[in-house]
Amino acid sequence: MLTFLGNYVLGRDVAVFSGSFIDVFARLGVSEHAL
């Protein structure tokens, strides 16, 4: 998660939708509950 934030959020005044995190981490094999 910190890697994702460092590449796509750091330096920007933005926030990411929780559902987007679920989609990204599903690609990594992380369940919605764990995310």
Full PDB file with SEQRES, HELIX, SHEET, SSBOND, CRYST1, ORIGX, SCALE, CONECT and MASTER records, all heavy atoms in Angstrom:
SEQRES   1 A   35  MET LEU THR PHE LEU GLY ASN TYR VAL LEU GLY ARG ASP          
SEQRES   2 A   35  VAL ALA VAL PHE SER GLY SER PHE ILE ASP VAL PHE ALA          
SEQRES   3 A   35  ARG LEU GLY VAL SER GLU HIS ALA LEU                          
HELIX    1 AA1 LEU A    2  TYR A    8  1                                   7    
HELIX    2 AA2 SER A   18  ARG A   27  1                                  10    
CRYST1    1.000    1.000    1.000  90.00  90.00  90.00 P 1           1          
ORIGX1      1.000000  0.000000  0.000000        0.00000                         
ORIGX2      0.000000  1.000000  0.000000        0.00000                         
ORIGX3      0.000000  0.000000  1.000000        0.00000                         
SCALE1      1.000000  0.000000  0.000000        0.00000                         
SCALE2      0.000000  1.000000  0.000000        0.00000                         
SCALE3      0.000000  0.000000  1.000000        0.00000                         
ATOM      1  N   MET A   1       0.832  -1.204   0.000  1.00  0.00           N  
ATOM      2  CA  MET A   1       0.000   0.000   0.000  1.00  0.00           C  
ATOM      3  C   MET A   1       0.867   1.255   0.000  1.00  0.00           C  
ATOM      4  O   MET A   1       0.606   2.219  -0.739  1.00  0.00           O  
ATOM      5  CB  MET A   1      -0.921  -0.007   1.218  1.00  0.00           C  
ATOM      6  CG  MET A   1      -1.774   1.245   1.359  1.00  0.00           C  
ATOM      7  SD  MET A   1      -3.039   1.368   0.080  1.00  0.00           S  
ATOM      8  CE  MET A   1      -4.192   0.108   0.660  1.00  0.00           C  
ATOM      9  N   LEU A   2       1.918   1.265   0.824  1.00  0.00           N  
ATOM     10  CA  LEU A   2       2.801   2.427   0.852  1.00  0.00           C  
ATOM     11  C   LEU A   2       3.514   2.610  -0.488  1.00  0.00           C  
ATOM     12  O   LEU A   2       3.733   3.743  -0.933  1.00  0.00           O  
ATOM     13  CB  LEU A   2       3.814   2.283   1.992  1.00  0.00           C  
ATOM     14  CG  LEU A   2       3.238   2.423   3.401  1.00  0.00           C  
ATOM     15  CD1 LEU A   2       4.274   2.020   4.449  1.00  0.00           C  
ATOM     16  CD2 LEU A   2       2.758   3.844   3.652  1.00  0.00           C  
ATOM     17  N   THR A   3       3.859   1.502  -1.142  1.00  0.00           N  
ATOM     18  CA  THR A   3       4.451   1.608  -2.473  1.00  0.00           C  
ATOM     19  C   THR A   3       3.480   2.250  -3.450  1.00  0.00           C  
ATOM     20  O   THR A   3       3.853   3.143  -4.226  1.00  0.00           O  
ATOM     21  CB  THR A   3       4.866   0.220  -2.989  1.00  0.00           C  
ATOM     22  OG1 THR A   3       5.829  -0.354  -2.106  1.00  0.00           O  
ATOM     23  CG2 THR A   3       5.476   0.315  -4.384  1.00  0.00           C  
ATOM     24  N   PHE A   4       2.240   1.814  -3.433  1.00  0.00           N  
ATOM     25  CA  PHE A   4       1.212   2.391  -4.310  1.00  0.00           C  
ATOM     26  C   PHE A   4       1.069   3.887  -4.039  1.00  0.00           C  
ATOM     27  O   PHE A   4       1.061   4.707  -4.958  1.00  0.00           O  
ATOM     28  CB  PHE A   4      -0.121   1.674  -4.098  1.00  0.00           C  
ATOM     29  CG  PHE A   4      -1.233   2.199  -4.952  1.00  0.00           C  
ATOM     30  CD1 PHE A   4      -1.514   1.631  -6.179  1.00  0.00           C  
ATOM     31  CD2 PHE A   4      -2.008   3.284  -4.533  1.00  0.00           C  
ATOM     32  CE1 PHE A   4      -2.540   2.117  -6.984  1.00  0.00           C  
ATOM     33  CE2 PHE A   4      -3.030   3.783  -5.328  1.00  0.00           C  
ATOM     34  CZ  PHE A   4      -3.296   3.203  -6.553  1.00  0.00           C  
ATOM     35  N   LEU A   5       0.957   4.248  -2.780  1.00  0.00           N  
ATOM     36  CA  LEU A   5       0.765   5.649  -2.413  1.00  0.00           C  
ATOM     37  C   LEU A   5       1.976   6.493  -2.808  1.00  0.00           C  
ATOM     38  O   LEU A   5       1.829   7.633  -3.256  1.00  0.00           O  
ATOM     39  CB  LEU A   5       0.507   5.766  -0.912  1.00  0.00           C  
ATOM     40  CG  LEU A   5      -0.774   5.102  -0.395  1.00  0.00           C  
ATOM     41  CD1 LEU A   5      -0.767   5.048   1.122  1.00  0.00           C  
ATOM     42  CD2 LEU A   5      -2.005   5.848  -0.898  1.00  0.00           C  
ATOM     43  N   GLY A   6       3.167   5.935  -2.641  1.00  0.00           N  
ATOM     44  CA  GLY A   6       4.370   6.680  -2.992  1.00  0.00           C  
ATOM     45  C   GLY A   6       4.473   6.961  -4.472  1.00  0.00           C  
ATOM     46  O   GLY A   6       5.046   7.979  -4.879  1.00  0.00           O  
ATOM     47  N   ASN A   7       3.915   6.079  -5.286  1.00  0.00           N  
ATOM     48  CA  ASN A   7       4.017   6.251  -6.734  1.00  0.00           C  
ATOM     49  C   ASN A   7       2.868   7.050  -7.329  1.00  0.00           C  
ATOM     50  O   ASN A   7       3.055   7.733  -8.343  1.00  0.00           O  
ATOM     51  CB  ASN A   7       4.077   4.873  -7.410  1.00  0.00           C  
ATOM     52  CG  ASN A   7       5.459   4.274  -7.377  1.00  0.00           C  
ATOM     53  OD1 ASN A   7       6.280   4.539  -8.240  1.00  0.00           O  
ATOM     54  ND2 ASN A   7       5.743   3.488  -6.352  1.00  0.00           N  
ATOM     55  N   TYR A   8       1.679   6.990  -6.720  1.00  0.00           N  
ATOM     56  CA  TYR A   8       0.497   7.565  -7.382  1.00  0.00           C  
ATOM     57  C   TYR A   8      -0.227   8.629  -6.551  1.00  0.00           C  
ATOM     58  O   TYR A   8      -1.161   9.241  -7.076  1.00  0.00           O  
ATOM     59  CB  TYR A   8      -0.464   6.440  -7.769  1.00  0.00           C  
ATOM     60  CG  TYR A   8       0.218   5.376  -8.595  1.00  0.00           C  
ATOM     61  CD1 TYR A   8       0.424   4.087  -8.104  1.00  0.00           C  
ATOM     62  CD2 TYR A   8       0.721   5.681  -9.865  1.00  0.00           C  
ATOM     63  CE1 TYR A   8       1.086   3.131  -8.862  1.00  0.00           C  
ATOM     64  CE2 TYR A   8       1.387   4.729 -10.615  1.00  0.00           C  
ATOM     65  CZ  TYR A   8       1.565   3.451 -10.111  1.00  0.00           C  
ATOM     66  OH  TYR A   8       2.232   2.518 -10.850  1.00  0.00           O  
ATOM     67  N   VAL A   9       0.201   8.851  -5.324  1.00  0.00           N  
ATOM     68  CA  VAL A   9      -0.478   9.838  -4.481  1.00  0.00           C  
ATOM     69  C   VAL A   9       0.497  10.880  -3.930  1.00  0.00           C  
ATOM     70  O   VAL A   9       0.146  12.061  -3.841  1.00  0.00           O  
ATOM     71  CB  VAL A   9      -1.229   9.142  -3.325  1.00  0.00           C  
ATOM     72  CG1 VAL A   9      -1.873  10.170  -2.398  1.00  0.00           C  
ATOM     73  CG2 VAL A   9      -2.290   8.190  -3.873  1.00  0.00           C  
ATOM     74  N   LEU A  10       1.696  10.482  -3.567  1.00  0.00           N  
ATOM     75  CA  LEU A  10       2.664  11.401  -2.973  1.00  0.00           C  
ATOM     76  C   LEU A  10       2.903  12.605  -3.886  1.00  0.00           C  
ATOM     77  O   LEU A  10       3.097  12.463  -5.087  1.00  0.00           O  
ATOM     78  CB  LEU A  10       3.995  10.682  -2.731  1.00  0.00           C  
ATOM     79  CG  LEU A  10       5.086  11.517  -2.052  1.00  0.00           C  
ATOM     80  CD1 LEU A  10       4.676  11.924  -0.644  1.00  0.00           C  
ATOM     81  CD2 LEU A  10       6.395  10.738  -2.030  1.00  0.00           C  
ATOM     82  N   GLY A  11       2.864  13.795  -3.299  1.00  0.00           N  
ATOM     83  CA  GLY A  11       3.081  15.022  -4.055  1.00  0.00           C  
ATOM     84  C   GLY A  11       1.829  15.584  -4.689  1.00  0.00           C  
ATOM     85  O   GLY A  11       1.891  16.611  -5.365  1.00  0.00           O  
ATOM     86  N   ARG A  12       0.702  14.927  -4.485  1.00  0.00           N  
ATOM     87  CA  ARG A  12      -0.575  15.394  -5.028  1.00  0.00           C  
ATOM     88  C   ARG A  12      -1.576  15.522  -3.885  1.00  0.00           C  
ATOM     89  O   ARG A  12      -1.573  14.705  -2.962  1.00  0.00           O  
ATOM     90  CB  ARG A  12      -1.123  14.395  -6.056  1.00  0.00           C  
ATOM     91  CG  ARG A  12      -0.166  14.052  -7.183  1.00  0.00           C  
ATOM     92  CD  ARG A  12      -0.663  12.853  -7.980  1.00  0.00           C  
ATOM     93  NE  ARG A  12      -1.956  13.105  -8.616  1.00  0.00           N  
ATOM     94  CZ  ARG A  12      -2.715  12.150  -9.162  1.00  0.00           C  
ATOM     95  NH1 ARG A  12      -2.312  10.889  -9.126  1.00  0.00           N  
ATOM     96  NH2 ARG A  12      -3.863  12.450  -9.740  1.00  0.00           N  
ATOM     97  N   ASP A  13      -2.419  16.509  -3.929  1.00  0.00           N  
ATOM     98  CA  ASP A  13      -3.451  16.681  -2.910  1.00  0.00           C  
ATOM     99  C   ASP A  13      -4.695  15.914  -3.359  1.00  0.00           C  
ATOM    100  O   ASP A  13      -5.703  16.496  -3.785  1.00  0.00           O  
ATOM    101  CB  ASP A  13      -3.757  18.169  -2.716  1.00  0.00           C  
ATOM    102  CG  ASP A  13      -4.643  18.422  -1.507  1.00  0.00           C  
ATOM    103  OD1 ASP A  13      -4.763  17.508  -0.664  1.00  0.00           O  
ATOM    104  OD2 ASP A  13      -5.217  19.524  -1.412  1.00  0.00           O  
ATOM    105  N   VAL A  14      -4.623  14.582  -3.258  1.00  0.00           N  
ATOM    106  CA  VAL A  14      -5.674  13.717  -3.776  1.00  0.00           C  
ATOM    107  C   VAL A  14      -5.963  12.598  -2.786  1.00  0.00           C  
ATOM    108  O   VAL A  14      -5.201  12.360  -1.835  1.00  0.00           O  
ATOM    109  CB  VAL A  14      -5.283  13.105  -5.144  1.00  0.00           C  
ATOM    110  CG1 VAL A  14      -5.026  14.195  -6.183  1.00  0.00           C  
ATOM    111  CG2 VAL A  14      -4.057  12.201  -4.994  1.00  0.00           C  
ATOM    112  N   ALA A  15      -7.065  11.904  -3.033  1.00  0.00           N  
ATOM    113  CA  ALA A  15      -7.432  10.713  -2.272  1.00  0.00           C  
ATOM    114  C   ALA A  15      -7.964   9.666  -3.239  1.00  0.00           C  
ATOM    115  O   ALA A  15      -8.470   9.988  -4.322  1.00  0.00           O  
ATOM    116  CB  ALA A  15      -8.469  11.046  -1.209  1.00  0.00           C  
ATOM    117  N   VAL A  16      -7.859   8.400  -2.845  1.00  0.00           N  
ATOM    118  CA  VAL A  16      -8.213   7.271  -3.709  1.00  0.00           C  
ATOM    119  C   VAL A  16      -9.456   6.573  -3.150  1.00  0.00           C  
ATOM    120  O   VAL A  16      -9.558   6.323  -1.946  1.00  0.00           O  
ATOM    121  CB  VAL A  16      -7.047   6.272  -3.806  1.00  0.00           C  
ATOM    122  CG1 VAL A  16      -7.412   5.110  -4.732  1.00  0.00           C  
ATOM    123  CG2 VAL A  16      -5.779   6.973  -4.295  1.00  0.00           C  
ATOM    124  N   PHE A  17     -10.384   6.247  -4.037  1.00  0.00           N  
ATOM    125  CA  PHE A  17     -11.615   5.549  -3.673  1.00  0.00           C  
ATOM    126  C   PHE A  17     -11.289   4.170  -3.102  1.00  0.00           C  
ATOM    127  O   PHE A  17     -10.446   3.444  -3.636  1.00  0.00           O  
ATOM    128  CB  PHE A  17     -12.501   5.417  -4.911  1.00  0.00           C  
ATOM    129  CG  PHE A  17     -13.748   4.624  -4.711  1.00  0.00           C  
ATOM    130  CD1 PHE A  17     -14.574   4.811  -3.613  1.00  0.00           C  
ATOM    131  CD2 PHE A  17     -14.113   3.668  -5.662  1.00  0.00           C  
ATOM    132  CE1 PHE A  17     -15.728   4.067  -3.439  1.00  0.00           C  
ATOM    133  CE2 PHE A  17     -15.270   2.926  -5.503  1.00  0.00           C  
ATOM    134  CZ  PHE A  17     -16.077   3.122  -4.384  1.00  0.00           C  
ATOM    135  N   SER A  18     -11.978   3.804  -2.031  1.00  0.00           N  
ATOM    136  CA  SER A  18     -11.724   2.514  -1.389  1.00  0.00           C  
ATOM    137  C   SER A  18     -11.929   1.357  -2.361  1.00  0.00           C  
ATOM    138  O   SER A  18     -11.180   0.365  -2.343  1.00  0.00           O  
ATOM    139  CB  SER A  18     -12.629   2.344  -0.171  1.00  0.00           C  
ATOM    140  OG  SER A  18     -13.995   2.406  -0.550  1.00  0.00           O  
ATOM    141  N   GLY A  19     -12.927   1.471  -3.229  1.00  0.00           N  
ATOM    142  CA  GLY A  19     -13.159   0.410  -4.207  1.00  0.00           C  
ATOM    143  C   GLY A  19     -12.008   0.233  -5.171  1.00  0.00           C  
ATOM    144  O   GLY A  19     -11.748  -0.876  -5.649  1.00  0.00           O  
ATOM    145  N   SER A  20     -11.287   1.313  -5.462  1.00  0.00           N  
ATOM    146  CA  SER A  20     -10.117   1.206  -6.338  1.00  0.00           C  
ATOM    147  C   SER A  20      -9.010   0.411  -5.665  1.00  0.00           C  
ATOM    148  O   SER A  20      -8.324  -0.393  -6.311  1.00  0.00           O  
ATOM    149  CB  SER A  20      -9.614   2.603  -6.711  1.00  0.00           C  
ATOM    150  OG  SER A  20     -10.591   3.321  -7.447  1.00  0.00           O  
ATOM    151  N   PHE A  21      -8.825   0.630  -4.367  1.00  0.00           N  
ATOM    152  CA  PHE A  21      -7.838  -0.163  -3.635  1.00  0.00           C  
ATOM    153  C   PHE A  21      -8.212  -1.636  -3.662  1.00  0.00           C  
ATOM    154  O   PHE A  21      -7.354  -2.513  -3.826  1.00  0.00           O  
ATOM    155  CB  PHE A  21      -7.736   0.311  -2.183  1.00  0.00           C  
ATOM    156  CG  PHE A  21      -6.954   1.581  -1.996  1.00  0.00           C  
ATOM    157  CD1 PHE A  21      -7.489   2.652  -1.307  1.00  0.00           C  
ATOM    158  CD2 PHE A  21      -5.666   1.702  -2.495  1.00  0.00           C  
ATOM    159  CE1 PHE A  21      -6.775   3.821  -1.118  1.00  0.00           C  
ATOM    160  CE2 PHE A  21      -4.936   2.863  -2.313  1.00  0.00           C  
ATOM    161  CZ  PHE A  21      -5.490   3.927  -1.624  1.00  0.00           C  
ATOM    162  N   ILE A  22      -9.490  -1.923  -3.503  1.00  0.00           N  
ATOM    163  CA  ILE A  22      -9.939  -3.317  -3.539  1.00  0.00           C  
ATOM    164  C   ILE A  22      -9.604  -3.948  -4.886  1.00  0.00           C  
ATOM    165  O   ILE A  22      -9.097  -5.078  -4.949  1.00  0.00           O  
ATOM    166  CB  ILE A  22     -11.450  -3.396  -3.255  1.00  0.00           C  
ATOM    167  CG1 ILE A  22     -11.736  -2.986  -1.804  1.00  0.00           C  
ATOM    168  CG2 ILE A  22     -11.985  -4.801  -3.535  1.00  0.00           C  
ATOM    169  CD1 ILE A  22     -13.204  -2.816  -1.489  1.00  0.00           C  
ATOM    170  N   ASP A  23      -9.848  -3.224  -5.969  1.00  0.00           N  
ATOM    171  CA  ASP A  23      -9.560  -3.752  -7.304  1.00  0.00           C  
ATOM    172  C   ASP A  23      -8.066  -3.982  -7.503  1.00  0.00           C  
ATOM    173  O   ASP A  23      -7.644  -5.016  -8.030  1.00  0.00           O  
ATOM    174  CB  ASP A  23     -10.081  -2.783  -8.371  1.00  0.00           C  
ATOM    175  CG  ASP A  23     -11.596  -2.724  -8.413  1.00  0.00           C  
ATOM    176  OD1 ASP A  23     -12.233  -3.643  -7.869  1.00  0.00           O  
ATOM    177  OD2 ASP A  23     -12.132  -1.754  -8.981  1.00  0.00           O  
ATOM    178  N   VAL A  24      -7.246  -3.004  -7.086  1.00  0.00           N  
ATOM    179  CA  VAL A  24      -5.799  -3.124  -7.282  1.00  0.00           C  
ATOM    180  C   VAL A  24      -5.251  -4.298  -6.479  1.00  0.00           C  
ATOM    181  O   VAL A  24      -4.474  -5.119  -6.986  1.00  0.00           O  
ATOM    182  CB  VAL A  24      -5.088  -1.816  -6.883  1.00  0.00           C  
ATOM    183  CG1 VAL A  24      -3.576  -2.031  -6.789  1.00  0.00           C  
ATOM    184  CG2 VAL A  24      -5.401  -0.718  -7.882  1.00  0.00           C  
ATOM    185  N   PHE A  25      -5.663  -4.409  -5.214  1.00  0.00           N  
ATOM    186  CA  PHE A  25      -5.077  -5.450  -4.375  1.00  0.00           C  
ATOM    187  C   PHE A  25      -5.640  -6.835  -4.680  1.00  0.00           C  
ATOM    188  O   PHE A  25      -4.999  -7.840  -4.373  1.00  0.00           O  
ATOM    189  CB  PHE A  25      -5.231  -5.069  -2.900  1.00  0.00           C  
ATOM    190  CG  PHE A  25      -4.170  -4.120  -2.443  1.00  0.00           C  
ATOM    191  CD1 PHE A  25      -4.229  -2.773  -2.774  1.00  0.00           C  
ATOM    192  CD2 PHE A  25      -3.080  -4.567  -1.718  1.00  0.00           C  
ATOM    193  CE1 PHE A  25      -3.231  -1.893  -2.390  1.00  0.00           C  
ATOM    194  CE2 PHE A  25      -2.084  -3.704  -1.325  1.00  0.00           C  
ATOM    195  CZ  PHE A  25      -2.152  -2.360  -1.658  1.00  0.00           C  
ATOM    196  N   ALA A  26      -6.802  -6.895  -5.306  1.00  0.00           N  
ATOM    197  CA  ALA A  26      -7.279  -8.191  -5.788  1.00  0.00           C  
ATOM    198  C   ALA A  26      -6.321  -8.738  -6.840  1.00  0.00           C  
ATOM    199  O   ALA A  26      -6.097  -9.955  -6.919  1.00  0.00           O  
ATOM    200  CB  ALA A  26      -8.684  -8.048  -6.366  1.00  0.00           C  
ATOM    201  N   ARG A  27      -5.742  -7.858  -7.651  1.00  0.00           N  
ATOM    202  CA  ARG A  27      -4.751  -8.290  -8.640  1.00  0.00           C  
ATOM    203  C   ARG A  27      -3.528  -8.903  -7.969  1.00  0.00           C  
ATOM    204  O   ARG A  27      -2.840  -9.750  -8.543  1.00  0.00           O  
ATOM    205  CB  ARG A  27      -4.295  -7.095  -9.491  1.00  0.00           C  
ATOM    206  CG  ARG A  27      -5.394  -6.405 -10.297  1.00  0.00           C  
ATOM    207  CD  ARG A  27      -4.897  -5.058 -10.813  1.00  0.00           C  
ATOM    208  NE  ARG A  27      -5.937  -4.305 -11.505  1.00  0.00           N  
ATOM    209  CZ  ARG A  27      -6.046  -4.234 -12.829  1.00  0.00           C  
ATOM    210  NH1 ARG A  27      -5.182  -4.871 -13.599  1.00  0.00           N  
ATOM    211  NH2 ARG A  27      -7.015  -3.536 -13.374  1.00  0.00           N  
ATOM    212  N   LEU A  28      -3.254  -8.444  -6.738  1.00  0.00           N  
ATOM    213  CA  LEU A  28      -2.097  -8.921  -5.994  1.00  0.00           C  
ATOM    214  C   LEU A  28      -2.410 -10.144  -5.137  1.00  0.00           C  
ATOM    215  O   LEU A  28      -1.554 -10.637  -4.416  1.00  0.00           O  
ATOM    216  CB  LEU A  28      -1.577  -7.796  -5.092  1.00  0.00           C  
ATOM    217  CG  LEU A  28      -0.861  -6.649  -5.809  1.00  0.00           C  
ATOM    218  CD1 LEU A  28      -1.034  -5.342  -5.068  1.00  0.00           C  
ATOM    219  CD2 LEU A  28       0.615  -6.983  -5.975  1.00  0.00           C  
ATOM    220  N   GLY A  29      -3.646 -10.618  -5.191  1.00  0.00           N  
ATOM    221  CA  GLY A  29      -4.018 -11.784  -4.410  1.00  0.00           C  
ATOM    222  C   GLY A  29      -4.433 -11.472  -2.996  1.00  0.00           C  
ATOM    223  O   GLY A  29      -4.504 -12.374  -2.148  1.00  0.00           O  
ATOM    224  N   VAL A  30      -4.730 -10.202  -2.686  1.00  0.00           N  
ATOM    225  CA  VAL A  30      -5.153  -9.799  -1.347  1.00  0.00           C  
ATOM    226  C   VAL A  30      -6.672  -9.704  -1.336  1.00  0.00           C  
ATOM    227  O   VAL A  30      -7.263  -9.016  -2.178  1.00  0.00           O  
ATOM    228  CB  VAL A  30      -4.524  -8.449  -0.947  1.00  0.00           C  
ATOM    229  CG1 VAL A  30      -5.013  -7.996   0.425  1.00  0.00           C  
ATOM    230  CG2 VAL A  30      -2.996  -8.558  -0.960  1.00  0.00           C  
ATOM    231  N   SER A  31      -7.313 -10.352  -0.390  1.00  0.00           N  
ATOM    232  CA  SER A  31      -8.764 -10.373  -0.331  1.00  0.00           C  
ATOM    233  C   SER A  31      -9.320  -9.013   0.072  1.00  0.00           C  
ATOM    234  O   SER A  31      -8.627  -8.179   0.657  1.00  0.00           O  
ATOM    235  CB  SER A  31      -9.234 -11.421   0.685  1.00  0.00           C  
ATOM    236  OG  SER A  31      -8.922 -11.007   2.002  1.00  0.00           O  
ATOM    237  N   GLU A  32     -10.613  -8.814  -0.228  1.00  0.00           N  
ATOM    238  CA  GLU A  32     -11.259  -7.552   0.155  1.00  0.00           C  
ATOM    239  C   GLU A  32     -11.240  -7.375   1.672  1.00  0.00           C  
ATOM    240  O   GLU A  32     -11.006  -6.268   2.176  1.00  0.00           O  
ATOM    241  CB  GLU A  32     -12.692  -7.516  -0.361  1.00  0.00           C  
ATOM    242  CG  GLU A  32     -13.440  -6.245   0.028  1.00  0.00           C  
ATOM    243  CD  GLU A  32     -14.832  -6.172  -0.561  1.00  0.00           C  
ATOM    244  OE1 GLU A  32     -15.122  -6.934  -1.505  1.00  0.00           O  
ATOM    245  OE2 GLU A  32     -15.641  -5.339  -0.072  1.00  0.00           O  
ATOM    246  N   HIS A  33     -11.466  -8.453   2.403  1.00  0.00           N  
ATOM    247  CA  HIS A  33     -11.463  -8.354   3.863  1.00  0.00           C  
ATOM    248  C   HIS A  33     -10.088  -7.919   4.369  1.00  0.00           C  
ATOM    249  O   HIS A  33      -9.983  -7.028   5.231  1.00  0.00           O  
ATOM    250  CB  HIS A  33     -11.838  -9.700   4.479  1.00  0.00           C  
ATOM    251  CG  HIS A  33     -11.696  -9.742   5.970  1.00  0.00           C  
ATOM    252  ND1 HIS A  33     -12.570  -9.113   6.823  1.00  0.00           N  
ATOM    253  CD2 HIS A  33     -10.735 -10.324   6.755  1.00  0.00           C  
ATOM    254  CE1 HIS A  33     -12.186  -9.302   8.072  1.00  0.00           C  
ATOM    255  NE2 HIS A  33     -11.075 -10.043   8.053  1.00  0.00           N  
ATOM    256  N   ALA A  34      -9.018  -8.535   3.863  1.00  0.00           N  
ATOM    257  CA  ALA A  34      -7.672  -8.176   4.296  1.00  0.00           C  
ATOM    258  C   ALA A  34      -7.340  -6.737   3.906  1.00  0.00           C  
ATOM    259  O   ALA A  34      -6.702  -6.002   4.669  1.00  0.00           O  
ATOM    260  CB  ALA A  34      -6.649  -9.140   3.699  1.00  0.00           C  
ATOM    261  N   LEU A  35      -7.794  -6.319   2.724  1.00  0.00           N  
ATOM    262  CA  LEU A  35      -7.521  -4.962   2.269  1.00  0.00           C  
ATOM    263  C   LEU A  35      -8.236  -3.952   3.155  1.00  0.00           C  
ATOM    264  O   LEU A  35      -7.648  -2.940   3.576  1.00  0.00           O  
ATOM    265  CB  LEU A  35      -7.939  -4.806   0.809  1.00  0.00           C  
ATOM    266  CG  LEU A  35      -7.652  -3.493   0.081  1.00  0.00           C  
ATOM    267  CD1 LEU A  35      -8.692  -2.441   0.348  1.00  0.00           C  
ATOM    268  CD2 LEU A  35      -6.264  -2.960   0.414  1.00  0.00           C  
TER     269      LEU A  35                                                      
MASTER        0    0    0    2    0    0    0    6  268    1    0    3          
END                                                                             
